[in-house]
Amino acid sequence: MNLARHSISATAPILIFDTRFDADCRIFTTCTQAGFAVYSAWPLKLLRKQEITGGTLAAAVPLHTSSLIFLVGGGRSPRYPPNKVIFWDDVQRKEVAELEFRERVRGLTCRRGWLAVALRRRVAVFKVDSSISRYGEWDTCDNPRGLLALATGAHSTLLAIPGKQTGHVQLVHLPPCPPPKPIGPPPSSPPKPPPPAPTKHPVSIIAAHNTALTTLSVPPSGRFLATTSSRGTLIRIWDAITGRLVRELRRGSDKAEIYGVAFRPDEQELCVWSDKGTVHIFSLFGGSGGSNRQSTFSPLTSYLPLPKYFESEWSYAQYRIPAQSAHISLSAPPTKPPTADVTDEERSWR
């Protein structure tokens, strides 16, 4: 039999600049050289795709499962000036508003009706309704990564941002997050009443680390706060109400750049990933997966003056990302800014 000869070549990979989940983890967005796309997380399905011409995006952040997406330009040829946040309505397929600052936007996060924007040395919060209004502004230490974390669960209030001193975290409490609108038929039992609003928040600053922060993470409820520093060896879990250190978890003994930390929705486990190409899973409060590993010398720490290292809790499970993609992190900000900074003050919003 004489078969024709065929040339088989590999498909050119698509470069993904950024990936963001919505607050409920029901959808996620991806930014590529061609624009952005919106996917259903389960079942995994492409919902819609939008081509963006004339430049690239650094982020496309969905506001829950609404049609509103916040766009930030970035890369070597930004589609939008990196000092702007563009409000994109995915139903109308067009820009409907924008916020403009006098410096590059470093990070942003959102929840129902609210948007928080991190700049180099401050964080600005805006209320997003039929109009856009500035709610407040807080100074921070030097924050080139644009760190900030916002609790998104029903009735939660926490916004965590860097403090004015290196390694410190400032806790800001916004108005309670309203519950999502119910989908489908009404439940057979009446909804639970919302928890009473705290009369005061006793802790506003947590001295989390001695070195610069690299990640800030909170679960949807806002009850806890996870922090890491430039050393990349420890993950500290704090009670966001009392400021008490709840757990201290060890990623490893050598220095690493931790890219991200994520709570499981039920707050029983924690996931950590870094430039080492490994993903670590920790048990927090009796998670179903297993118990964290500890040194065989840990029982002796009560009797002998052993270094604190021997008290450490290590992940109970981990897996390694393939070597060819071990440097990729879906939530890590670019290590080199695409544009130079300009003055640090907000110019206008509209």
Protein backbone atom coordinates (compact mmCIF):
# COMPACT_ATOMS: atom_id res chain seq x y z
CA MET A 1 0.00 0.00 0.00
CA ASN A 2 1.35 3.41 -0.99
CA LEU A 3 0.50 6.05 1.65
CA ALA A 4 0.98 9.73 1.06
CA ARG A 5 3.50 11.49 3.25
CA HIS A 6 2.09 14.05 5.68
CA SER A 7 3.88 16.71 7.64
CA ILE A 8 2.82 16.95 11.30
CA SER A 9 3.75 20.05 13.26
CA ALA A 10 2.99 21.10 16.81
CA THR A 11 0.25 23.64 17.40
CA ALA A 12 1.62 27.01 18.37
CA PRO A 13 0.91 27.51 22.09
CA ILE A 14 -1.31 30.39 23.14
CA LEU A 15 0.39 32.78 25.53
CA ILE A 16 -1.82 33.47 28.55
CA PHE A 17 -0.98 36.72 30.32
CA ASP A 18 -3.38 36.44 33.25
CA THR A 19 -6.22 34.33 34.64
CA ARG A 20 -8.79 35.52 37.20
CA PHE A 21 -11.69 33.76 38.91
CA ASP A 22 -14.78 35.62 39.98
CA ALA A 23 -15.49 35.84 43.71
CA ASP A 24 -17.75 32.76 43.66
CA CYS A 25 -15.34 30.71 41.49
CA ARG A 26 -18.14 30.03 39.02
CA ILE A 27 -16.44 31.68 36.04
CA PHE A 28 -12.91 32.75 35.15
CA THR A 29 -11.29 34.97 32.55
CA THR A 30 -8.08 34.59 30.57
CA CYS A 31 -6.09 37.32 28.82
CA THR A 32 -4.15 36.50 25.66
CA GLN A 33 -2.50 38.47 22.87
CA ALA A 34 -5.84 38.48 21.03
CA GLY A 35 -8.05 39.74 23.88
CA PHE A 36 -9.87 37.95 26.67
CA ALA A 37 -12.26 35.03 27.12
CA VAL A 38 -14.78 34.07 29.80
CA TYR A 39 -15.17 30.41 30.83
CA SER A 40 -17.52 28.47 33.08
CA ALA A 41 -15.48 26.74 35.77
CA TRP A 42 -17.80 23.72 36.07
CA PRO A 43 -18.53 22.30 33.67
CA LEU A 44 -15.53 23.76 31.88
CA LYS A 45 -16.94 25.62 28.89
CA LEU A 46 -16.13 28.71 26.86
CA LEU A 47 -18.92 31.23 27.45
CA ARG A 48 -17.76 34.13 25.30
CA LYS A 49 -14.66 35.59 23.74
CA GLN A 50 -13.76 39.18 22.98
CA GLU A 51 -11.02 40.18 20.58
CA ILE A 52 -9.13 43.31 21.56
CA THR A 53 -7.12 45.02 18.83
CA GLY A 54 -4.43 47.64 19.14
CA GLY A 55 -2.63 46.22 22.17
CA THR A 56 -2.68 43.73 25.04
CA LEU A 57 -4.24 43.44 28.49
CA ALA A 58 -2.60 42.83 31.85
CA ALA A 59 -5.81 41.70 33.57
CA ALA A 60 -9.54 41.16 33.03
CA VAL A 61 -11.25 40.91 36.42
CA PRO A 62 -14.89 39.71 36.46
CA LEU A 63 -17.37 41.21 38.94
CA HIS A 64 -18.98 37.98 40.17
CA THR A 65 -21.07 36.53 37.33
CA SER A 66 -22.33 39.91 36.11
CA SER A 67 -21.61 41.32 32.67
CA LEU A 68 -19.14 43.86 34.10
CA ILE A 69 -15.42 43.16 33.67
CA PHE A 70 -12.59 45.45 34.80
CA LEU A 71 -9.79 45.69 32.22
CA VAL A 72 -6.21 46.90 32.75
CA GLY A 73 -3.78 47.39 29.89
CA GLY A 74 -0.28 45.98 30.08
CA GLY A 75 2.59 44.31 28.29
CA ARG A 76 4.95 45.83 25.75
CA SER A 77 2.08 47.42 23.83
CA PRO A 78 -0.81 48.11 26.25
CA ARG A 79 -4.28 48.39 24.74
CA TYR A 80 -5.22 50.90 27.43
CA PRO A 81 -2.91 53.21 29.39
CA PRO A 82 -1.73 51.21 32.44
CA ASN A 83 -2.88 54.05 34.69
CA LYS A 84 -6.54 53.36 33.82
CA VAL A 85 -9.16 50.82 34.89
CA ILE A 86 -11.66 50.25 32.09
CA PHE A 87 -15.22 49.16 32.86
CA TRP A 88 -16.29 46.75 30.12
CA ASP A 89 -19.92 45.67 29.73
CA ASP A 90 -19.83 42.25 28.14
CA VAL A 91 -23.49 42.42 27.09
CA GLN A 92 -23.07 45.70 25.22
CA ARG A 93 -19.55 44.62 24.13
CA LYS A 94 -18.10 48.04 24.81
CA GLU A 95 -16.41 50.27 27.38
CA VAL A 96 -18.92 52.02 29.62
CA ALA A 97 -16.69 53.92 32.10
CA GLU A 98 -13.12 54.32 33.28
CA LEU A 99 -11.03 55.34 36.27
CA GLU A 100 -7.83 57.26 35.60
CA PHE A 101 -4.87 57.70 37.96
CA ARG A 102 -1.54 59.47 37.79
CA GLU A 103 0.43 56.26 38.08
CA ARG A 104 0.24 52.65 36.97
CA VAL A 105 -2.43 50.45 38.49
CA ARG A 106 -0.64 47.74 40.47
CA GLY A 107 -3.55 45.53 41.42
CA LEU A 108 -7.30 45.40 41.83
CA THR A 109 -9.98 43.28 43.40
CA CYS A 110 -13.76 43.55 43.58
CA ARG A 111 -16.94 42.28 45.14
CA ARG A 112 -20.62 43.11 44.67
CA GLY A 113 -20.82 46.87 44.17
CA TRP A 114 -17.21 47.61 45.17
CA LEU A 115 -13.82 47.97 43.52
CA ALA A 116 -10.45 48.33 45.29
CA VAL A 117 -7.43 49.56 43.33
CA ALA A 118 -3.84 49.24 44.56
CA LEU A 119 -1.29 51.86 43.54
CA ARG A 120 2.37 52.09 44.53
CA ARG A 121 1.80 53.61 47.98
CA ARG A 122 -1.97 53.72 48.49
CA VAL A 123 -5.21 51.85 47.94
CA ALA A 124 -8.39 53.56 46.69
CA VAL A 125 -11.85 52.03 47.08
CA PHE A 126 -14.81 52.88 44.85
CA LYS A 127 -18.50 52.12 45.14
CA VAL A 128 -19.86 50.81 41.83
CA ASP A 129 -23.59 51.24 41.34
CA SER A 130 -25.56 53.18 38.76
CA SER A 131 -22.68 55.65 39.16
CA ILE A 132 -19.09 55.41 40.42
CA SER A 133 -18.12 57.18 43.62
CA ARG A 134 -14.92 57.14 45.63
CA TYR A 135 -15.48 55.66 49.10
CA GLY A 136 -12.07 56.01 50.73
CA GLU A 137 -8.31 55.95 50.38
CA TRP A 138 -5.57 54.45 52.58
CA ASP A 139 -1.80 54.94 52.52
CA THR A 140 0.46 51.89 52.42
CA CYS A 141 4.16 51.14 52.39
CA ASP A 142 5.87 50.62 49.03
CA ASN A 143 3.62 48.07 47.30
CA PRO A 144 5.05 47.32 43.83
CA ARG A 145 3.14 44.01 43.65
CA GLY A 146 -0.21 45.72 44.18
CA LEU A 147 -1.13 43.46 47.09
CA LEU A 148 -4.67 43.60 48.47
CA ALA A 149 -7.34 41.05 49.40
CA LEU A 150 -11.10 41.49 49.75
CA ALA A 151 -13.56 39.14 51.46
CA THR A 152 -16.43 38.46 49.08
CA GLY A 153 -18.85 36.26 51.04
CA ALA A 154 -22.31 37.40 52.09
CA HIS A 155 -22.17 39.93 54.95
CA SER A 156 -18.34 39.95 55.02
CA THR A 157 -16.51 43.27 55.45
CA LEU A 158 -12.74 42.70 55.37
CA LEU A 159 -10.28 44.46 53.07
CA ALA A 160 -6.64 43.60 53.80
CA ILE A 161 -3.88 45.88 52.45
CA PRO A 162 -0.20 46.45 53.30
CA GLY A 163 0.38 48.69 56.31
CA LYS A 164 2.57 51.75 56.39
CA GLN A 165 5.50 49.72 57.75
CA THR A 166 7.21 46.88 55.89
CA GLY A 167 5.70 43.50 56.74
CA HIS A 168 2.60 44.97 58.39
CA VAL A 169 -0.99 44.42 57.25
CA GLN A 170 -3.76 46.98 57.62
CA LEU A 171 -7.32 45.70 58.11
CA VAL A 172 -10.09 47.90 56.70
CA HIS A 173 -13.76 47.06 57.18
CA LEU A 174 -16.16 48.12 54.44
CA PRO A 175 -19.97 47.97 54.60
CA PRO A 176 -21.20 44.34 54.68
CA CYS A 177 -21.31 42.53 51.36
CA PRO A 178 -24.94 41.83 50.37
CA PRO A 179 -25.88 38.20 49.69
CA PRO A 180 -26.22 37.12 46.05
CA LYS A 181 -29.62 37.14 44.42
CA PRO A 182 -31.14 33.63 44.58
CA ILE A 183 -31.24 31.63 41.35
CA GLY A 184 -34.07 29.18 40.65
CA PRO A 185 -37.13 28.37 42.77
CA PRO A 186 -37.30 29.75 46.32
CA PRO A 187 -35.93 27.46 49.06
CA SER A 188 -38.36 25.45 51.16
CA SER A 189 -36.96 26.85 54.41
CA PRO A 190 -36.64 30.58 55.18
CA PRO A 191 -33.16 32.06 54.72
CA LYS A 192 -30.93 32.38 57.75
CA PRO A 193 -30.78 35.87 59.24
CA PRO A 194 -27.50 37.72 58.63
CA PRO A 195 -24.92 37.67 61.44
CA PRO A 196 -24.98 40.78 63.65
CA ALA A 197 -22.57 43.46 62.55
CA PRO A 198 -19.63 43.80 64.98
CA THR A 199 -19.85 46.88 67.15
CA LYS A 200 -16.14 47.50 66.68
CA HIS A 201 -13.09 45.90 65.12
CA PRO A 202 -10.40 45.77 67.82
CA VAL A 203 -7.47 45.13 65.48
CA SER A 204 -6.53 47.35 62.55
CA ILE A 205 -2.80 46.50 62.15
CA ILE A 206 -1.09 43.09 62.21
CA ALA A 207 2.71 42.94 62.37
CA ALA A 208 2.84 39.87 60.16
CA HIS A 209 6.50 39.65 59.05
CA ASN A 210 9.86 41.36 59.41
CA THR A 211 10.44 41.45 55.65
CA ALA A 212 8.33 42.68 52.72
CA LEU A 213 5.00 40.98 52.07
CA THR A 214 4.62 38.88 48.92
CA THR A 215 1.01 37.68 49.18
CA LEU A 216 -2.20 38.55 51.05
CA SER A 217 -5.14 36.14 50.99
CA VAL A 218 -8.49 35.95 52.75
CA PRO A 219 -11.35 33.42 52.48
CA PRO A 220 -14.79 34.63 51.38
CA SER A 221 -15.94 34.95 55.00
CA GLY A 222 -13.07 37.27 55.92
CA ARG A 223 -12.51 35.47 59.22
CA PHE A 224 -8.86 34.70 58.49
CA LEU A 225 -5.87 36.24 56.77
CA ALA A 226 -2.91 34.41 55.20
CA THR A 227 0.40 36.23 54.70
CA THR A 228 3.79 35.39 53.22
CA SER A 229 7.01 37.37 53.00
CA SER A 230 10.01 37.70 50.69
CA ARG A 231 11.77 34.85 52.51
CA GLY A 232 9.16 32.46 51.15
CA THR A 233 9.55 29.84 53.88
CA LEU A 234 6.54 30.45 56.15
CA ILE A 235 2.82 30.99 55.66
CA ARG A 236 1.12 32.63 58.64
CA ILE A 237 -2.62 32.41 59.29
CA TRP A 238 -4.18 35.19 61.39
CA ASP A 239 -7.55 35.70 63.01
CA ALA A 240 -8.83 38.83 61.26
CA ILE A 241 -10.93 39.91 64.25
CA THR A 242 -8.51 39.46 67.14
CA GLY A 243 -5.23 39.69 65.20
CA ARG A 244 -4.04 36.47 66.87
CA LEU A 245 -1.64 34.14 65.02
CA VAL A 246 -3.66 30.97 64.41
CA ARG A 247 -1.20 28.75 62.50
CA GLU A 248 2.31 28.94 61.11
CA LEU A 249 2.96 26.63 58.17
CA ARG A 250 6.29 25.90 56.50
CA ARG A 251 6.65 25.69 52.73
CA GLY A 252 10.34 24.77 52.92
CA SER A 253 13.68 25.75 54.44
CA ASP A 254 15.22 27.45 51.39
CA LYS A 255 14.24 30.86 50.07
CA ALA A 256 11.51 30.96 47.43
CA GLU A 257 9.14 33.41 45.79
CA ILE A 258 5.62 32.45 46.80
CA TYR A 259 3.26 33.33 43.97
CA GLY A 260 -0.07 32.73 45.66
CA VAL A 261 -2.04 31.33 48.60
CA ALA A 262 -5.67 30.19 48.39
CA PHE A 263 -8.14 29.00 51.03
CA ARG A 264 -10.53 26.17 50.35
CA PRO A 265 -14.08 27.62 50.51
CA ASP A 266 -14.85 25.75 53.75
CA GLU A 267 -11.58 27.09 55.25
CA GLN A 268 -10.35 23.61 56.13
CA GLU A 269 -7.31 23.57 53.84
CA LEU A 270 -4.83 25.91 52.20
CA CYS A 271 -3.02 25.76 48.84
CA VAL A 272 0.38 27.44 48.27
CA TRP A 273 2.43 27.68 45.05
CA SER A 274 5.83 29.20 44.33
CA ASP A 275 8.67 29.54 41.84
CA LYS A 276 9.97 26.13 42.94
CA GLY A 277 7.36 24.56 40.67
CA THR A 278 5.54 22.83 43.53
CA VAL A 279 2.03 23.21 44.91
CA HIS A 280 1.63 22.48 48.63
CA ILE A 281 -1.61 21.50 50.39
CA PHE A 282 -1.93 22.17 54.13
CA SER A 283 -4.62 21.11 56.56
CA LEU A 284 -5.89 24.03 58.65
CA PHE A 285 -8.66 22.88 60.95
CA GLY A 286 -9.05 19.16 60.54
CA GLY A 287 -9.46 19.01 56.78
CA SER A 288 -10.55 15.69 55.29
CA GLY A 289 -7.34 15.26 53.30
CA GLY A 290 -4.90 14.44 56.09
CA SER A 291 -2.67 15.81 58.83
CA ASN A 292 0.29 18.09 58.25
CA ARG A 293 3.71 16.53 58.62
CA GLN A 294 5.98 17.47 61.52
CA SER A 295 9.57 16.75 62.49
CA THR A 296 10.22 13.59 64.50
CA PHE A 297 11.79 15.90 67.10
CA SER A 298 8.65 18.01 67.53
CA PRO A 299 7.46 16.11 70.67
CA LEU A 300 10.76 17.09 72.37
CA THR A 301 10.33 20.85 71.92
CA SER A 302 8.45 21.06 75.22
CA TYR A 303 11.42 19.59 77.07
CA LEU A 304 14.48 20.74 75.12
CA PRO A 305 15.42 24.22 73.85
CA LEU A 306 15.32 23.16 70.21
CA PRO A 307 15.11 25.74 67.38
CA LYS A 308 11.60 26.73 66.34
CA TYR A 309 12.21 25.00 62.99
CA PHE A 310 11.50 21.64 64.66
CA GLU A 311 8.00 22.78 65.63
CA SER A 312 7.10 23.50 61.99
CA GLU A 313 4.10 22.05 60.20
CA TRP A 314 4.78 20.86 56.66
CA SER A 315 2.28 20.21 53.87
CA TYR A 316 0.59 16.82 53.92
CA ALA A 317 0.45 16.70 50.11
CA GLN A 318 2.20 18.35 47.20
CA TYR A 319 2.62 17.98 43.48
CA ARG A 320 5.08 19.35 40.99
CA ILE A 321 4.25 21.40 37.92
CA PRO A 322 6.05 20.12 34.76
CA ALA A 323 9.49 21.68 34.41
CA GLN A 324 8.70 23.47 31.16
CA SER A 325 5.94 25.47 32.85
CA ALA A 326 7.16 25.55 36.44
CA HIS A 327 7.79 29.29 36.25
CA ILE A 328 4.17 30.09 35.41
CA SER A 329 1.78 31.41 38.05
CA LEU A 330 -1.76 32.45 37.24
CA SER A 331 -1.90 35.08 39.96
CA ALA A 332 1.65 36.43 40.05
CA PRO A 333 2.09 40.04 38.96
CA PRO A 334 4.77 40.77 36.37
CA THR A 335 8.22 41.05 37.93
CA LYS A 336 9.15 43.95 35.65
CA PRO A 337 6.65 46.77 35.20
CA PRO A 338 5.65 47.38 31.58
CA THR A 339 5.73 51.13 32.06
CA ALA A 340 7.57 53.59 34.24
CA ASP A 341 5.85 55.21 37.18
CA VAL A 342 4.60 58.75 37.19
CA THR A 343 3.27 60.92 39.95
CA ASP A 344 1.46 59.17 42.78
CA GLU A 345 -1.79 61.08 42.91
CA GLU A 346 -5.15 60.25 41.42
CA ARG A 347 -6.03 62.49 38.53
CA SER A 348 -9.71 61.87 37.86
CA TRP A 349 -12.43 59.29 37.48
CA ARG A 350 -15.47 59.21 35.28
